Amino acid sequence: MMTREHVVWAGAIWVEKIYGNDGACFIHDRIDTLMHDDDINGVEMWAKIGTAYNRLGAPSSRIH
């Protein structure tokens, strides 16, 4: 069973795969569209996906 966290990370990985370095722009545009449509749940979900996407490219202090 997929949790909401799984969905967030799957979304971030999908964005990275499809849009690569342009993923942040895609996420920003997606959030803008959802805000225009007053889709608060969608905005919250894509904001979480955006955070996860940013973490994909960030170096981890756990990896040595």
PDB file of N, CA and C in Angstrom:
ATOM      1  N   MET A   1       0.843  -1.182   0.000  1.00  0.00           N
ATOM      2  CA  MET A   1       0.000   0.000   0.000  1.00  0.00           C
ATOM      3  C   MET A   1       0.890   1.248   0.000  1.00  0.00           C
ATOM      4  N   MET A   2       0.592   2.153  -0.904  1.00  0.00           N
ATOM      5  CA  MET A   2       1.360   3.394  -0.975  1.00  0.00           C
ATOM      6  C   MET A   2       0.826   4.391   0.044  1.00  0.00           C
ATOM      7  N   THR A   3       1.755   4.976   0.784  1.00  0.00           N
ATOM      8  CA  THR A   3       1.394   6.037   1.713  1.00  0.00           C
ATOM      9  C   THR A   3       1.468   7.375   0.984  1.00  0.00           C
ATOM     10  N   ARG A   4       1.013   8.410   1.633  1.00  0.00           N
ATOM     11  CA  ARG A   4       1.094   9.752   1.054  1.00  0.00           C
ATOM     12  C   ARG A   4       2.556  10.125   0.821  1.00  0.00           C
ATOM     13  N   GLU A   5       3.434   9.714   1.720  1.00  0.00           N
ATOM     14  CA  GLU A   5       4.861   9.992   1.556  1.00  0.00           C
ATOM     15  C   GLU A   5       5.424   9.290   0.322  1.00  0.00           C
ATOM     16  N   HIS A   6       4.967   8.069   0.066  1.00  0.00           N
ATOM     17  CA  HIS A   6       5.391   7.362  -1.145  1.00  0.00           C
ATOM     18  C   HIS A   6       4.958   8.137  -2.395  1.00  0.00           C
ATOM     19  N   VAL A   7       3.739   8.655  -2.361  1.00  0.00           N
ATOM     20  CA  VAL A   7       3.215   9.413  -3.501  1.00  0.00           C
ATOM     21  C   VAL A   7       4.053  10.667  -3.733  1.00  0.00           C
ATOM     22  N   VAL A   8       4.427  11.345  -2.647  1.00  0.00           N
ATOM     23  CA  VAL A   8       5.244  12.549  -2.751  1.00  0.00           C
ATOM     24  C   VAL A   8       6.581  12.219  -3.404  1.00  0.00           C
ATOM     25  N   TRP A   9       7.257  11.186  -2.913  1.00  0.00           N
ATOM     26  CA  TRP A   9       8.570  10.828  -3.466  1.00  0.00           C
ATOM     27  C   TRP A   9       8.452  10.298  -4.892  1.00  0.00           C
ATOM     28  N   ALA A  10       7.390   9.562  -5.176  1.00  0.00           N
ATOM     29  CA  ALA A  10       7.181   9.087  -6.551  1.00  0.00           C
ATOM     30  C   ALA A  10       6.997  10.281  -7.487  1.00  0.00           C
ATOM     31  N   GLY A  11       6.261  11.291  -7.032  1.00  0.00           N
ATOM     32  CA  GLY A  11       6.073  12.495  -7.832  1.00  0.00           C
ATOM     33  C   GLY A  11       7.382  13.226  -8.073  1.00  0.00           C
ATOM     34  N   ALA A  12       8.195  13.336  -7.036  1.00  0.00           N
ATOM     35  CA  ALA A  12       9.493  14.018  -7.163  1.00  0.00           C
ATOM     36  C   ALA A  12      10.402  13.280  -8.134  1.00  0.00           C
ATOM     37  N   ILE A  13      10.425  11.968  -8.036  1.00  0.00           N
ATOM     38  CA  ILE A  13      11.265  11.164  -8.936  1.00  0.00           C
ATOM     39  C   ILE A  13      10.759  11.262 -10.373  1.00  0.00           C
ATOM     40  N   TRP A  14       9.448  11.251 -10.540  1.00  0.00           N
ATOM     41  CA  TRP A  14       8.862  11.397 -11.880  1.00  0.00           C
ATOM     42  C   TRP A  14       9.261  12.744 -12.494  1.00  0.00           C
ATOM     43  N   VAL A  15       9.146  13.818 -11.701  1.00  0.00           N
ATOM     44  CA  VAL A  15       9.513  15.144 -12.196  1.00  0.00           C
ATOM     45  C   VAL A  15      10.982  15.163 -12.595  1.00  0.00           C
ATOM     46  N   GLU A  16      11.843  14.597 -11.767  1.00  0.00           N
ATOM     47  CA  GLU A  16      13.268  14.574 -12.086  1.00  0.00           C
ATOM     48  C   GLU A  16      13.529  13.787 -13.370  1.00  0.00           C
ATOM     49  N   LYS A  17      12.842  12.665 -13.531  1.00  0.00           N
ATOM     50  CA  LYS A  17      13.036  11.825 -14.715  1.00  0.00           C
ATOM     51  C   LYS A  17      12.573  12.541 -15.984  1.00  0.00           C
ATOM     52  N   ILE A  18      11.424  13.181 -15.928  1.00  0.00           N
ATOM     53  CA  ILE A  18      10.836  13.804 -17.115  1.00  0.00           C
ATOM     54  C   ILE A  18      11.438  15.181 -17.403  1.00  0.00           C
ATOM     55  N   TYR A  19      11.649  15.986 -16.369  1.00  0.00           N
ATOM     56  CA  TYR A  19      12.051  17.380 -16.559  1.00  0.00           C
ATOM     57  C   TYR A  19      13.497  17.677 -16.171  1.00  0.00           C
ATOM     58  N   GLY A  20      14.155  16.753 -15.495  1.00  0.00           N
ATOM     59  CA  GLY A  20      15.551  16.958 -15.113  1.00  0.00           C
ATOM     60  C   GLY A  20      15.745  18.248 -14.335  1.00  0.00           C
ATOM     61  N   ASN A  21      16.717  19.038 -14.768  1.00  0.00           N
ATOM     62  CA  ASN A  21      17.027  20.293 -14.089  1.00  0.00           C
ATOM     63  C   ASN A  21      15.926  21.339 -14.218  1.00  0.00           C
ATOM     64  N   ASP A  22      15.002  21.150 -15.146  1.00  0.00           N
ATOM     65  CA  ASP A  22      13.884  22.075 -15.312  1.00  0.00           C
ATOM     66  C   ASP A  22      12.693  21.709 -14.428  1.00  0.00           C
ATOM     67  N   GLY A  23      12.874  20.713 -13.580  1.00  0.00           N
ATOM     68  CA  GLY A  23      11.789  20.251 -12.709  1.00  0.00           C
ATOM     69  C   GLY A  23      11.262  21.311 -11.773  1.00  0.00           C
ATOM     70  N   ALA A  24      12.151  22.140 -11.230  1.00  0.00           N
ATOM     71  CA  ALA A  24      11.701  23.193 -10.312  1.00  0.00           C
ATOM     72  C   ALA A  24      10.752  24.156 -11.018  1.00  0.00           C
ATOM     73  N   CYS A  25      11.045  24.485 -12.265  1.00  0.00           N
ATOM     74  CA  CYS A  25      10.155  25.363 -13.045  1.00  0.00           C
ATOM     75  C   CYS A  25       8.806  24.698 -13.281  1.00  0.00           C
ATOM     76  N   PHE A  26       8.830  23.395 -13.610  1.00  0.00           N
ATOM     77  CA  PHE A  26       7.577  22.673 -13.818  1.00  0.00           C
ATOM     78  C   PHE A  26       6.737  22.689 -12.543  1.00  0.00           C
ATOM     79  N   ILE A  27       7.372  22.407 -11.416  1.00  0.00           N
ATOM     80  CA  ILE A  27       6.651  22.374 -10.141  1.00  0.00           C
ATOM     81  C   ILE A  27       6.087  23.755  -9.818  1.00  0.00           C
ATOM     82  N   HIS A  28       6.877  24.782 -10.029  1.00  0.00           N
ATOM     83  CA  HIS A  28       6.422  26.152  -9.790  1.00  0.00           C
ATOM     84  C   HIS A  28       5.196  26.475 -10.650  1.00  0.00           C
ATOM     85  N   ASP A  29       5.254  26.132 -11.926  1.00  0.00           N
ATOM     86  CA  ASP A  29       4.127  26.381 -12.828  1.00  0.00           C
ATOM     87  C   ASP A  29       2.902  25.586 -12.410  1.00  0.00           C
ATOM     88  N   ARG A  30       3.124  24.350 -11.972  1.00  0.00           N
ATOM     89  CA  ARG A  30       2.009  23.496 -11.535  1.00  0.00           C
ATOM     90  C   ARG A  30       1.322  24.110 -10.323  1.00  0.00           C
ATOM     91  N   ILE A  31       2.120  24.583  -9.361  1.00  0.00           N
ATOM     92  CA  ILE A  31       1.561  25.205  -8.161  1.00  0.00           C
ATOM     93  C   ILE A  31       0.805  26.483  -8.529  1.00  0.00           C
ATOM     94  N   ASP A  32       1.354  27.284  -9.425  1.00  0.00           N
ATOM     95  CA  ASP A  32       0.659  28.501  -9.869  1.00  0.00           C
ATOM     96  C   ASP A  32      -0.703  28.174 -10.473  1.00  0.00           C
ATOM     97  N   THR A  33      -0.740  27.152 -11.316  1.00  0.00           N
ATOM     98  CA  THR A  33      -2.008  26.747 -11.935  1.00  0.00           C
ATOM     99  C   THR A  33      -3.006  26.300 -10.880  1.00  0.00           C
ATOM    100  N   LEU A  34      -2.552  25.487  -9.941  1.00  0.00           N
ATOM    101  CA  LEU A  34      -3.439  24.999  -8.884  1.00  0.00           C
ATOM    102  C   LEU A  34      -3.928  26.134  -7.989  1.00  0.00           C
ATOM    103  N   MET A  35      -3.071  27.114  -7.730  1.00  0.00           N
ATOM    104  CA  MET A  35      -3.493  28.274  -6.938  1.00  0.00           C
ATOM    105  C   MET A  35      -4.576  29.049  -7.677  1.00  0.00           C
ATOM    106  N   HIS A  36      -4.373  29.210  -8.983  1.00  0.00           N
ATOM    107  CA  HIS A  36      -5.360  29.913  -9.805  1.00  0.00           C
ATOM    108  C   HIS A  36      -6.703  29.177  -9.774  1.00  0.00           C
ATOM    109  N   ASP A  37      -6.633  27.851  -9.716  1.00  0.00           N
ATOM    110  CA  ASP A  37      -7.845  27.025  -9.680  1.00  0.00           C
ATOM    111  C   ASP A  37      -8.411  26.858  -8.267  1.00  0.00           C
ATOM    112  N   ASP A  38      -7.783  27.508  -7.265  1.00  0.00           N
ATOM    113  CA  ASP A  38      -8.183  27.392  -5.855  1.00  0.00           C
ATOM    114  C   ASP A  38      -8.160  25.956  -5.350  1.00  0.00           C
ATOM    115  N   ASP A  39      -7.211  25.172  -5.830  1.00  0.00           N
ATOM    116  CA  ASP A  39      -7.051  23.779  -5.413  1.00  0.00           C
ATOM    117  C   ASP A  39      -5.995  23.721  -4.300  1.00  0.00           C
ATOM    118  N   ILE A  40      -6.434  23.983  -3.079  1.00  0.00           N
ATOM    119  CA  ILE A  40      -5.516  24.052  -1.943  1.00  0.00           C
ATOM    120  C   ILE A  40      -4.853  22.703  -1.689  1.00  0.00           C
ATOM    121  N   ASN A  41      -5.601  21.619  -1.792  1.00  0.00           N
ATOM    122  CA  ASN A  41      -5.012  20.293  -1.583  1.00  0.00           C
ATOM    123  C   ASN A  41      -3.935  20.000  -2.617  1.00  0.00           C
ATOM    124  N   GLY A  42      -4.192  20.383  -3.850  1.00  0.00           N
ATOM    125  CA  GLY A  42      -3.198  20.196  -4.908  1.00  0.00           C
ATOM    126  C   GLY A  42      -1.952  21.031  -4.664  1.00  0.00           C
ATOM    127  N   VAL A  43      -2.152  22.270  -4.225  1.00  0.00           N
ATOM    128  CA  VAL A  43      -1.016  23.142  -3.924  1.00  0.00           C
ATOM    129  C   VAL A  43      -0.171  22.527  -2.815  1.00  0.00           C
ATOM    130  N   GLU A  44      -0.828  22.048  -1.765  1.00  0.00           N
ATOM    131  CA  GLU A  44      -0.094  21.437  -0.652  1.00  0.00           C
ATOM    132  C   GLU A  44       0.683  20.207  -1.108  1.00  0.00           C
ATOM    133  N   MET A  45       0.072  19.379  -1.934  1.00  0.00           N
ATOM    134  CA  MET A  45       0.745  18.170  -2.415  1.00  0.00           C
ATOM    135  C   MET A  45       1.948  18.530  -3.284  1.00  0.00           C
ATOM    136  N   TRP A  46       1.782  19.468  -4.219  1.00  0.00           N
ATOM    137  CA  TRP A  46       2.890  19.837  -5.098  1.00  0.00           C
ATOM    138  C   TRP A  46       3.978  20.591  -4.356  1.00  0.00           C
ATOM    139  N   ALA A  47       3.626  21.290  -3.297  1.00  0.00           N
ATOM    140  CA  ALA A  47       4.656  21.925  -2.463  1.00  0.00           C
ATOM    141  C   ALA A  47       5.508  20.850  -1.794  1.00  0.00           C
ATOM    142  N   LYS A  48       4.874  19.779  -1.327  1.00  0.00           N
ATOM    143  CA  LYS A  48       5.617  18.661  -0.733  1.00  0.00           C
ATOM    144  C   LYS A  48       6.475  17.961  -1.784  1.00  0.00           C
ATOM    145  N   ILE A  49       5.927  17.792  -2.974  1.00  0.00           N
ATOM    146  CA  ILE A  49       6.702  17.193  -4.061  1.00  0.00           C
ATOM    147  C   ILE A  49       7.894  18.083  -4.385  1.00  0.00           C
ATOM    148  N   GLY A  50       7.697  19.392  -4.377  1.00  0.00           N
ATOM    149  CA  GLY A  50       8.789  20.320  -4.628  1.00  0.00           C
ATOM    150  C   GLY A  50       9.900  20.203  -3.589  1.00  0.00           C
ATOM    151  N   THR A  51       9.518  20.057  -2.335  1.00  0.00           N
ATOM    152  CA  THR A  51      10.508  19.874  -1.275  1.00  0.00           C
ATOM    153  C   THR A  51      11.278  18.577  -1.487  1.00  0.00           C
ATOM    154  N   ALA A  52      10.562  17.516  -1.812  1.00  0.00           N
ATOM    155  CA  ALA A  52      11.217  16.226  -2.061  1.00  0.00           C
ATOM    156  C   ALA A  52      12.131  16.318  -3.281  1.00  0.00           C
ATOM    157  N   TYR A  53      11.673  16.979  -4.327  1.00  0.00           N
ATOM    158  CA  TYR A  53      12.485  17.155  -5.533  1.00  0.00           C
ATOM    159  C   TYR A  53      13.792  17.868  -5.195  1.00  0.00           C
ATOM    160  N   ASN A  54      13.696  18.914  -4.403  1.00  0.00           N
ATOM    161  CA  ASN A  54      14.904  19.647  -4.005  1.00  0.00           C
ATOM    162  C   ASN A  54      15.843  18.770  -3.189  1.00  0.00           C
ATOM    163  N   ARG A  55      15.295  17.897  -2.382  1.00  0.00           N
ATOM    164  CA  ARG A  55      16.123  17.003  -1.573  1.00  0.00           C
ATOM    165  C   ARG A  55      16.807  15.945  -2.425  1.00  0.00           C
ATOM    166  N   LEU A  56      16.235  15.603  -3.569  1.00  0.00           N
ATOM    167  CA  LEU A  56      16.867  14.611  -4.442  1.00  0.00           C
ATOM    168  C   LEU A  56      18.245  15.071  -4.891  1.00  0.00           C
ATOM    169  N   GLY A  57      18.393  16.368  -5.132  1.00  0.00           N
ATOM    170  CA  GLY A  57      19.663  16.890  -5.614  1.00  0.00           C
ATOM    171  C   GLY A  57      20.576  17.394  -4.513  1.00  0.00           C
ATOM    172  N   ALA A  58      20.063  17.421  -3.282  1.00  0.00           N
ATOM    173  CA  ALA A  58      20.873  17.938  -2.183  1.00  0.00           C
ATOM    174  C   ALA A  58      21.784  16.845  -1.627  1.00  0.00           C
ATOM    175  N   PRO A  59      23.034  17.196  -1.333  1.00  0.00           N
ATOM    176  CA  PRO A  59      23.924  16.196  -0.731  1.00  0.00           C
ATOM    177  C   PRO A  59      23.432  15.830   0.672  1.00  0.00           C
ATOM    178  N   SER A  60      23.566  14.596   1.000  1.00  0.00           N
ATOM    179  CA  SER A  60      23.130  14.118   2.307  1.00  0.00           C
ATOM    180  C   SER A  60      24.305  14.044   3.260  1.00  0.00           C
ATOM    181  N   SER A  61      24.058  14.444   4.478  1.00  0.00           N
ATOM    182  CA  SER A  61      25.104  14.349   5.494  1.00  0.00           C
ATOM    183  C   SER A  61      25.285  12.892   5.939  1.00  0.00           C
ATOM    184  N   ARG A  62      24.348  12.029   5.601  1.00  0.00           N
ATOM    185  CA  ARG A  62      24.421  10.616   5.977  1.00  0.00           C
ATOM    186  C   ARG A  62      25.330   9.818   5.052  1.00  0.00           C
ATOM    187  N   ILE A  63      25.549  10.336   3.853  1.00  0.00           N
ATOM    188  CA  ILE A  63      26.393   9.619   2.893  1.00  0.00           C
ATOM    189  C   ILE A  63      27.814  10.114   3.028  1.00  0.00           C
ATOM    190  N   HIS A  64      28.718   9.195   3.204  1.00  0.00           N
ATOM    191  CA  HIS A  64      30.131   9.573   3.385  1.00  0.00           C
ATOM    192  C   HIS A  64      30.966   9.035   2.256  1.00  0.00           C
TER     193      HIS A  64
END
